[in-house]
Amino acid sequence: MIKRKGSKMHLSKEEEFEILKMVLDKFLWIGTISLMFGVYLLLTPHNDVGLGLLVTLIGATMLLMFTSIITKQFNYKKE
């Protein structure tokens, strides 16, 4: 429920968590697409292997970073 405190409206912890999940889900999709594109570049014979490896590592880093953020927030919500 949205609580009013003076003239400002505040979200409950559950609503904040739901919004956080929706936003971070988009970043996880971006990381997944980047990872898949990097693997595609690695497997395509006439592309630079270094570029494919770089894009793959960037996608993996994004996935790990945002997965850790979601895990921390999920543990925070459980408490």
PDB file of N, CA and C in Angstrom:
ATOM      1  N   MET A   1       0.833  -1.179   0.000  1.00  0.00           N
ATOM      2  CA  MET A   1       0.000   0.000   0.000  1.00  0.00           C
ATOM      3  C   MET A   1       0.878   1.243   0.000  1.00  0.00           C
ATOM      4  N   ILE A   2       0.409   2.242  -0.673  1.00  0.00           N
ATOM      5  CA  ILE A   2       1.108   3.513  -0.709  1.00  0.00           C
ATOM      6  C   ILE A   2       0.696   4.309   0.523  1.00  0.00           C
ATOM      7  N   LYS A   3       1.703   4.751   1.271  1.00  0.00           N
ATOM      8  CA  LYS A   3       1.438   5.518   2.486  1.00  0.00           C
ATOM      9  C   LYS A   3       1.720   6.985   2.213  1.00  0.00           C
ATOM     10  N   ARG A   4       0.850   7.814   2.726  1.00  0.00           N
ATOM     11  CA  ARG A   4       1.063   9.263   2.601  1.00  0.00           C
ATOM     12  C   ARG A   4       1.758   9.768   3.853  1.00  0.00           C
ATOM     13  N   LYS A   5       2.803  10.510   3.655  1.00  0.00           N
ATOM     14  CA  LYS A   5       3.519  11.137   4.760  1.00  0.00           C
ATOM     15  C   LYS A   5       3.664  12.603   4.380  1.00  0.00           C
ATOM     16  N   GLY A   6       2.786  13.416   4.895  1.00  0.00           N
ATOM     17  CA  GLY A   6       2.755  14.815   4.478  1.00  0.00           C
ATOM     18  C   GLY A   6       2.218  14.902   3.064  1.00  0.00           C
ATOM     19  N   SER A   7       2.970  15.539   2.182  1.00  0.00           N
ATOM     20  CA  SER A   7       2.529  15.651   0.797  1.00  0.00           C
ATOM     21  C   SER A   7       3.192  14.605  -0.103  1.00  0.00           C
ATOM     22  N   LYS A   8       4.081  13.773   0.473  1.00  0.00           N
ATOM     23  CA  LYS A   8       4.772  12.755  -0.311  1.00  0.00           C
ATOM     24  C   LYS A   8       4.101  11.407  -0.142  1.00  0.00           C
ATOM     25  N   MET A   9       4.184  10.584  -1.196  1.00  0.00           N
ATOM     26  CA  MET A   9       3.660   9.228  -1.127  1.00  0.00           C
ATOM     27  C   MET A   9       4.842   8.266  -1.058  1.00  0.00           C
ATOM     28  N   HIS A  10       4.759   7.266  -0.166  1.00  0.00           N
ATOM     29  CA  HIS A  10       5.835   6.303   0.019  1.00  0.00           C
ATOM     30  C   HIS A  10       5.337   4.910  -0.327  1.00  0.00           C
ATOM     31  N   LEU A  11       6.220   4.126  -0.949  1.00  0.00           N
ATOM     32  CA  LEU A  11       5.899   2.750  -1.304  1.00  0.00           C
ATOM     33  C   LEU A  11       6.265   1.819  -0.158  1.00  0.00           C
ATOM     34  N   SER A  12       5.563   0.710  -0.078  1.00  0.00           N
ATOM     35  CA  SER A  12       5.923  -0.301   0.905  1.00  0.00           C
ATOM     36  C   SER A  12       7.156  -1.056   0.406  1.00  0.00           C
ATOM     37  N   LYS A  13       7.775  -1.855   1.271  1.00  0.00           N
ATOM     38  CA  LYS A  13       8.962  -2.625   0.896  1.00  0.00           C
ATOM     39  C   LYS A  13       8.644  -3.604  -0.233  1.00  0.00           C
ATOM     40  N   GLU A  14       7.458  -4.211  -0.205  1.00  0.00           N
ATOM     41  CA  GLU A  14       7.083  -5.168  -1.247  1.00  0.00           C
ATOM     42  C   GLU A  14       6.944  -4.476  -2.603  1.00  0.00           C
ATOM     43  N   GLU A  15       6.354  -3.282  -2.618  1.00  0.00           N
ATOM     44  CA  GLU A  15       6.196  -2.541  -3.874  1.00  0.00           C
ATOM     45  C   GLU A  15       7.548  -2.088  -4.421  1.00  0.00           C
ATOM     46  N   GLU A  16       8.444  -1.664  -3.532  1.00  0.00           N
ATOM     47  CA  GLU A  16       9.783  -1.284  -3.960  1.00  0.00           C
ATOM     48  C   GLU A  16      10.495  -2.476  -4.582  1.00  0.00           C
ATOM     49  N   PHE A  17      10.337  -3.652  -3.964  1.00  0.00           N
ATOM     50  CA  PHE A  17      10.988  -4.854  -4.462  1.00  0.00           C
ATOM     51  C   PHE A  17      10.433  -5.256  -5.824  1.00  0.00           C
ATOM     52  N   GLU A  18       9.129  -5.147  -6.009  1.00  0.00           N
ATOM     53  CA  GLU A  18       8.519  -5.491  -7.296  1.00  0.00           C
ATOM     54  C   GLU A  18       9.014  -4.554  -8.401  1.00  0.00           C
ATOM     55  N   ILE A  19       9.140  -3.279  -8.118  1.00  0.00           N
ATOM     56  CA  ILE A  19       9.646  -2.321  -9.099  1.00  0.00           C
ATOM     57  C   ILE A  19      11.105  -2.624  -9.419  1.00  0.00           C
ATOM     58  N   LEU A  20      11.896  -2.937  -8.386  1.00  0.00           N
ATOM     59  CA  LEU A  20      13.295  -3.289  -8.585  1.00  0.00           C
ATOM     60  C   LEU A  20      13.428  -4.525  -9.470  1.00  0.00           C
ATOM     61  N   LYS A  21      12.578  -5.519  -9.262  1.00  0.00           N
ATOM     62  CA  LYS A  21      12.621  -6.727 -10.087  1.00  0.00           C
ATOM     63  C   LYS A  21      12.309  -6.407 -11.545  1.00  0.00           C
ATOM     64  N   MET A  22      11.320  -5.561 -11.779  1.00  0.00           N
ATOM     65  CA  MET A  22      10.963  -5.222 -13.156  1.00  0.00           C
ATOM     66  C   MET A  22      12.092  -4.484 -13.864  1.00  0.00           C
ATOM     67  N   VAL A  23      12.753  -3.561 -13.153  1.00  0.00           N
ATOM     68  CA  VAL A  23      13.828  -2.785 -13.761  1.00  0.00           C
ATOM     69  C   VAL A  23      15.048  -3.663 -14.020  1.00  0.00           C
ATOM     70  N   LEU A  24      15.460  -4.456 -13.029  1.00  0.00           N
ATOM     71  CA  LEU A  24      16.648  -5.274 -13.196  1.00  0.00           C
ATOM     72  C   LEU A  24      16.436  -6.405 -14.194  1.00  0.00           C
ATOM     73  N   ASP A  25      15.192  -6.832 -14.376  1.00  0.00           N
ATOM     74  CA  ASP A  25      14.899  -7.860 -15.365  1.00  0.00           C
ATOM     75  C   ASP A  25      15.303  -7.392 -16.760  1.00  0.00           C
ATOM     76  N   LYS A  26      15.088  -6.126 -17.037  1.00  0.00           N
ATOM     77  CA  LYS A  26      15.475  -5.579 -18.346  1.00  0.00           C
ATOM     78  C   LYS A  26      16.980  -5.622 -18.526  1.00  0.00           C
ATOM     79  N   PHE A  27      17.735  -5.302 -17.465  1.00  0.00           N
ATOM     80  CA  PHE A  27      19.184  -5.357 -17.551  1.00  0.00           C
ATOM     81  C   PHE A  27      19.682  -6.791 -17.701  1.00  0.00           C
ATOM     82  N   LEU A  28      18.997  -7.743 -17.092  1.00  0.00           N
ATOM     83  CA  LEU A  28      19.372  -9.143 -17.269  1.00  0.00           C
ATOM     84  C   LEU A  28      19.150  -9.578 -18.718  1.00  0.00           C
ATOM     85  N   TRP A  29      18.091  -9.092 -19.342  1.00  0.00           N
ATOM     86  CA  TRP A  29      17.863  -9.404 -20.757  1.00  0.00           C
ATOM     87  C   TRP A  29      18.968  -8.803 -21.614  1.00  0.00           C
ATOM     88  N   ILE A  30      19.394  -7.592 -21.303  1.00  0.00           N
ATOM     89  CA  ILE A  30      20.478  -6.959 -22.061  1.00  0.00           C
ATOM     90  C   ILE A  30      21.763  -7.773 -21.917  1.00  0.00           C
ATOM     91  N   GLY A  31      22.059  -8.247 -20.707  1.00  0.00           N
ATOM     92  CA  GLY A  31      23.233  -9.085 -20.492  1.00  0.00           C
ATOM     93  C   GLY A  31      23.151 -10.393 -21.250  1.00  0.00           C
ATOM     94  N   THR A  32      21.974 -11.009 -21.279  1.00  0.00           N
ATOM     95  CA  THR A  32      21.790 -12.267 -21.995  1.00  0.00           C
ATOM     96  C   THR A  32      21.964 -12.070 -23.493  1.00  0.00           C
ATOM     97  N   ILE A  33      21.384 -11.009 -24.028  1.00  0.00           N
ATOM     98  CA  ILE A  33      21.512 -10.728 -25.464  1.00  0.00           C
ATOM     99  C   ILE A  33      22.972 -10.440 -25.815  1.00  0.00           C
ATOM    100  N   SER A  34      23.668  -9.699 -24.955  1.00  0.00           N
ATOM    101  CA  SER A  34      25.074  -9.412 -25.189  1.00  0.00           C
ATOM    102  C   SER A  34      25.900 -10.696 -25.165  1.00  0.00           C
ATOM    103  N   LEU A  35      25.590 -11.584 -24.247  1.00  0.00           N
ATOM    104  CA  LEU A  35      26.298 -12.857 -24.154  1.00  0.00           C
ATOM    105  C   LEU A  35      26.058 -13.704 -25.409  1.00  0.00           C
ATOM    106  N   MET A  36      24.817 -13.769 -25.854  1.00  0.00           N
ATOM    107  CA  MET A  36      24.503 -14.551 -27.053  1.00  0.00           C
ATOM    108  C   MET A  36      25.162 -13.950 -28.294  1.00  0.00           C
ATOM    109  N   PHE A  37      25.182 -12.645 -28.391  1.00  0.00           N
ATOM    110  CA  PHE A  37      25.821 -11.996 -29.540  1.00  0.00           C
ATOM    111  C   PHE A  37      27.323 -12.254 -29.530  1.00  0.00           C
ATOM    112  N   GLY A  38      27.927 -12.231 -28.354  1.00  0.00           N
ATOM    113  CA  GLY A  38      29.360 -12.528 -28.247  1.00  0.00           C
ATOM    114  C   GLY A  38      29.676 -13.947 -28.663  1.00  0.00           C
ATOM    115  N   VAL A  39      28.838 -14.902 -28.276  1.00  0.00           N
ATOM    116  CA  VAL A  39      29.042 -16.293 -28.697  1.00  0.00           C
ATOM    117  C   VAL A  39      28.868 -16.408 -30.208  1.00  0.00           C
ATOM    118  N   TYR A  40      27.890 -15.691 -30.757  1.00  0.00           N
ATOM    119  CA  TYR A  40      27.703 -15.676 -32.213  1.00  0.00           C
ATOM    120  C   TYR A  40      28.962 -15.148 -32.907  1.00  0.00           C
ATOM    121  N   LEU A  41      29.533 -14.062 -32.373  1.00  0.00           N
ATOM    122  CA  LEU A  41      30.754 -13.512 -32.969  1.00  0.00           C
ATOM    123  C   LEU A  41      31.910 -14.494 -32.861  1.00  0.00           C
ATOM    124  N   LEU A  42      31.974 -15.254 -31.760  1.00  0.00           N
ATOM    125  CA  LEU A  42      33.034 -16.251 -31.617  1.00  0.00           C
ATOM    126  C   LEU A  42      32.900 -17.374 -32.635  1.00  0.00           C
ATOM    127  N   LEU A  43      31.666 -17.762 -32.924  1.00  0.00           N
ATOM    128  CA  LEU A  43      31.444 -18.907 -33.805  1.00  0.00           C
ATOM    129  C   LEU A  43      31.419 -18.554 -35.287  1.00  0.00           C
ATOM    130  N   THR A  44      31.286 -17.286 -35.608  1.00  0.00           N
ATOM    131  CA  THR A  44      31.286 -16.864 -37.013  1.00  0.00           C
ATOM    132  C   THR A  44      32.732 -16.861 -37.508  1.00  0.00           C
ATOM    133  N   PRO A  45      33.008 -17.561 -38.600  1.00  0.00           N
ATOM    134  CA  PRO A  45      34.408 -17.752 -39.014  1.00  0.00           C
ATOM    135  C   PRO A  45      35.136 -16.490 -39.473  1.00  0.00           C
ATOM    136  N   HIS A  46      34.478 -15.513 -40.057  1.00  0.00           N
ATOM    137  CA  HIS A  46      35.201 -14.363 -40.590  1.00  0.00           C
ATOM    138  C   HIS A  46      35.133 -13.142 -39.685  1.00  0.00           C
ATOM    139  N   ASN A  47      34.922 -13.349 -38.386  1.00  0.00           N
ATOM    140  CA  ASN A  47      34.959 -12.242 -37.425  1.00  0.00           C
ATOM    141  C   ASN A  47      36.177 -12.388 -36.528  1.00  0.00           C
ATOM    142  N   ASP A  48      36.558 -11.289 -35.902  1.00  0.00           N
ATOM    143  CA  ASP A  48      37.691 -11.282 -34.984  1.00  0.00           C
ATOM    144  C   ASP A  48      37.314 -12.024 -33.704  1.00  0.00           C
ATOM    145  N   VAL A  49      38.143 -12.970 -33.289  1.00  0.00           N
ATOM    146  CA  VAL A  49      37.873 -13.762 -32.087  1.00  0.00           C
ATOM    147  C   VAL A  49      37.957 -12.876 -30.842  1.00  0.00           C
ATOM    148  N   GLY A  50      38.849 -11.911 -30.857  1.00  0.00           N
ATOM    149  CA  GLY A  50      39.002 -11.020 -29.710  1.00  0.00           C
ATOM    150  C   GLY A  50      37.743 -10.212 -29.434  1.00  0.00           C
ATOM    151  N   LEU A  51      37.104  -9.747 -30.507  1.00  0.00           N
ATOM    152  CA  LEU A  51      35.865  -8.984 -30.348  1.00  0.00           C
ATOM    153  C   LEU A  51      34.761  -9.868 -29.771  1.00  0.00           C
ATOM    154  N   GLY A  52      34.649 -11.085 -30.278  1.00  0.00           N
ATOM    155  CA  GLY A  52      33.645 -12.015 -29.763  1.00  0.00           C
ATOM    156  C   GLY A  52      33.877 -12.341 -28.301  1.00  0.00           C
ATOM    157  N   LEU A  53      35.139 -12.543 -27.941  1.00  0.00           N
ATOM    158  CA  LEU A  53      35.468 -12.834 -26.548  1.00  0.00           C
ATOM    159  C   LEU A  53      35.172 -11.635 -25.650  1.00  0.00           C
ATOM    160  N   LEU A  54      35.478 -10.441 -26.128  1.00  0.00           N
ATOM    161  CA  LEU A  54      35.213  -9.223 -25.363  1.00  0.00           C
ATOM    162  C   LEU A  54      33.714  -9.037 -25.107  1.00  0.00           C
ATOM    163  N   VAL A  55      32.909  -9.190 -26.142  1.00  0.00           N
ATOM    164  CA  VAL A  55      31.462  -9.026 -26.001  1.00  0.00           C
ATOM    165  C   VAL A  55      30.894 -10.102 -25.077  1.00  0.00           C
ATOM    166  N   THR A  56      31.401 -11.326 -25.185  1.00  0.00           N
ATOM    167  CA  THR A  56      30.954 -12.409 -24.311  1.00  0.00           C
ATOM    168  C   THR A  56      31.300 -12.116 -22.860  1.00  0.00           C
ATOM    169  N   LEU A  57      32.511 -11.640 -22.610  1.00  0.00           N
ATOM    170  CA  LEU A  57      32.916 -11.315 -21.238  1.00  0.00           C
ATOM    171  C   LEU A  57      32.111 -10.149 -20.671  1.00  0.00           C
ATOM    172  N   ILE A  58      31.791  -9.165 -21.495  1.00  0.00           N
ATOM    173  CA  ILE A  58      30.962  -8.050 -21.039  1.00  0.00           C
ATOM    174  C   ILE A  58      29.566  -8.545 -20.668  1.00  0.00           C
ATOM    175  N   GLY A  59      28.988  -9.402 -21.507  1.00  0.00           N
ATOM    176  CA  GLY A  59      27.669  -9.964 -21.201  1.00  0.00           C
ATOM    177  C   GLY A  59      27.681 -10.782 -19.927  1.00  0.00           C
ATOM    178  N   ALA A  60      28.712 -11.602 -19.740  1.00  0.00           N
ATOM    179  CA  ALA A  60      28.810 -12.423 -18.526  1.00  0.00           C
ATOM    180  C   ALA A  60      28.982 -11.548 -17.291  1.00  0.00           C
ATOM    181  N   THR A  61      29.778 -10.492 -17.411  1.00  0.00           N
ATOM    182  CA  THR A  61      29.969  -9.576 -16.280  1.00  0.00           C
ATOM    183  C   THR A  61      28.658  -8.881 -15.910  1.00  0.00           C
ATOM    184  N   MET A  62      27.916  -8.447 -16.922  1.00  0.00           N
ATOM    185  CA  MET A  62      26.625  -7.804 -16.653  1.00  0.00           C
ATOM    186  C   MET A  62      25.673  -8.775 -15.960  1.00  0.00           C
ATOM    187  N   LEU A  63      25.629 -10.001 -16.441  1.00  0.00           N
ATOM    188  CA  LEU A  63      24.738 -10.990 -15.828  1.00  0.00           C
ATOM    189  C   LEU A  63      25.115 -11.257 -14.375  1.00  0.00           C
ATOM    190  N   LEU A  64      26.395 -11.445 -14.109  1.00  0.00           N
ATOM    191  CA  LEU A  64      26.837 -11.711 -12.742  1.00  0.00           C
ATOM    192  C   LEU A  64      26.570 -10.525 -11.817  1.00  0.00           C
ATOM    193  N   MET A  65      26.825  -9.327 -12.321  1.00  0.00           N
ATOM    194  CA  MET A  65      26.636  -8.128 -11.500  1.00  0.00           C
ATOM    195  C   MET A  65      25.167  -7.934 -11.125  1.00  0.00           C
ATOM    196  N   PHE A  66      24.280  -8.021 -12.087  1.00  0.00           N
ATOM    197  CA  PHE A  66      22.869  -7.793 -11.798  1.00  0.00           C
ATOM    198  C   PHE A  66      22.233  -8.970 -11.068  1.00  0.00           C
ATOM    199  N   THR A  67      22.752 -10.179 -11.287  1.00  0.00           N
ATOM    200  CA  THR A  67      22.256 -11.320 -10.521  1.00  0.00           C
ATOM    201  C   THR A  67      22.613 -11.163  -9.047  1.00  0.00           C
ATOM    202  N   SER A  68      23.806 -10.672  -8.769  1.00  0.00           N
ATOM    203  CA  SER A  68      24.178 -10.457  -7.369  1.00  0.00           C
ATOM    204  C   SER A  68      23.325  -9.366  -6.726  1.00  0.00           C
ATOM    205  N   ILE A  69      22.976  -8.331  -7.491  1.00  0.00           N
ATOM    206  CA  ILE A  69      22.119  -7.272  -6.948  1.00  0.00           C
ATOM    207  C   ILE A  69      20.733  -7.827  -6.623  1.00  0.00           C
ATOM    208  N   ILE A  70      20.182  -8.626  -7.526  1.00  0.00           N
ATOM    209  CA  ILE A  70      18.863  -9.208  -7.285  1.00  0.00           C
ATOM    210  C   ILE A  70      18.900 -10.141  -6.079  1.00  0.00           C
ATOM    211  N   THR A  71      19.965 -10.937  -5.960  1.00  0.00           N
ATOM    212  CA  THR A  71      20.081 -11.866  -4.835  1.00  0.00           C
ATOM    213  C   THR A  71      20.158 -11.114  -3.513  1.00  0.00           C
ATOM    214  N   LYS A  72      20.935 -10.042  -3.474  1.00  0.00           N
ATOM    215  CA  LYS A  72      21.033  -9.249  -2.248  1.00  0.00           C
ATOM    216  C   LYS A  72      19.681  -8.647  -1.883  1.00  0.00           C
ATOM    217  N   GLN A  73      18.960  -8.120  -2.875  1.00  0.00           N
ATOM    218  CA  GLN A  73      17.658  -7.518  -2.602  1.00  0.00           C
ATOM    219  C   GLN A  73      16.640  -8.573  -2.181  1.00  0.00           C
ATOM    220  N   PHE A  74      16.729  -9.768  -2.759  1.00  0.00           N
ATOM    221  CA  PHE A  74      15.805 -10.827  -2.394  1.00  0.00           C
ATOM    222  C   PHE A  74      16.047 -11.278  -0.954  1.00  0.00           C
ATOM    223  N   ASN A  75      17.320 -11.370  -0.565  1.00  0.00           N
ATOM    224  CA  ASN A  75      17.643 -11.713   0.819  1.00  0.00           C
ATOM    225  C   ASN A  75      17.200 -10.606   1.767  1.00  0.00           C
ATOM    226  N   TYR A  76      17.279  -9.380   1.330  1.00  0.00           N
ATOM    227  CA  TYR A  76      16.834  -8.244   2.133  1.00  0.00           C
ATOM    228  C   TYR A  76      15.323  -8.321   2.353  1.00  0.00           C
ATOM    229  N   LYS A  77      14.583  -8.706   1.342  1.00  0.00           N
ATOM    230  CA  LYS A  77      13.121  -8.788   1.447  1.00  0.00           C
ATOM    231  C   LYS A  77      12.694  -9.918   2.372  1.00  0.00           C
ATOM    232  N   LYS A  78      13.449 -11.020   2.392  1.00  0.00           N
ATOM    233  CA  LYS A  78      13.099 -12.148   3.251  1.00  0.00           C
ATOM    234  C   LYS A  78      13.172 -11.792   4.730  1.00  0.00           C
ATOM    235  N   GLU A  79      14.078 -10.894   5.089  1.00  0.00           N
ATOM    236  CA  GLU A  79      14.269 -10.545   6.502  1.00  0.00           C
ATOM    237  C   GLU A  79      13.144  -9.724   7.052  1.00  0.00           C
TER     238      GLU A  79
END
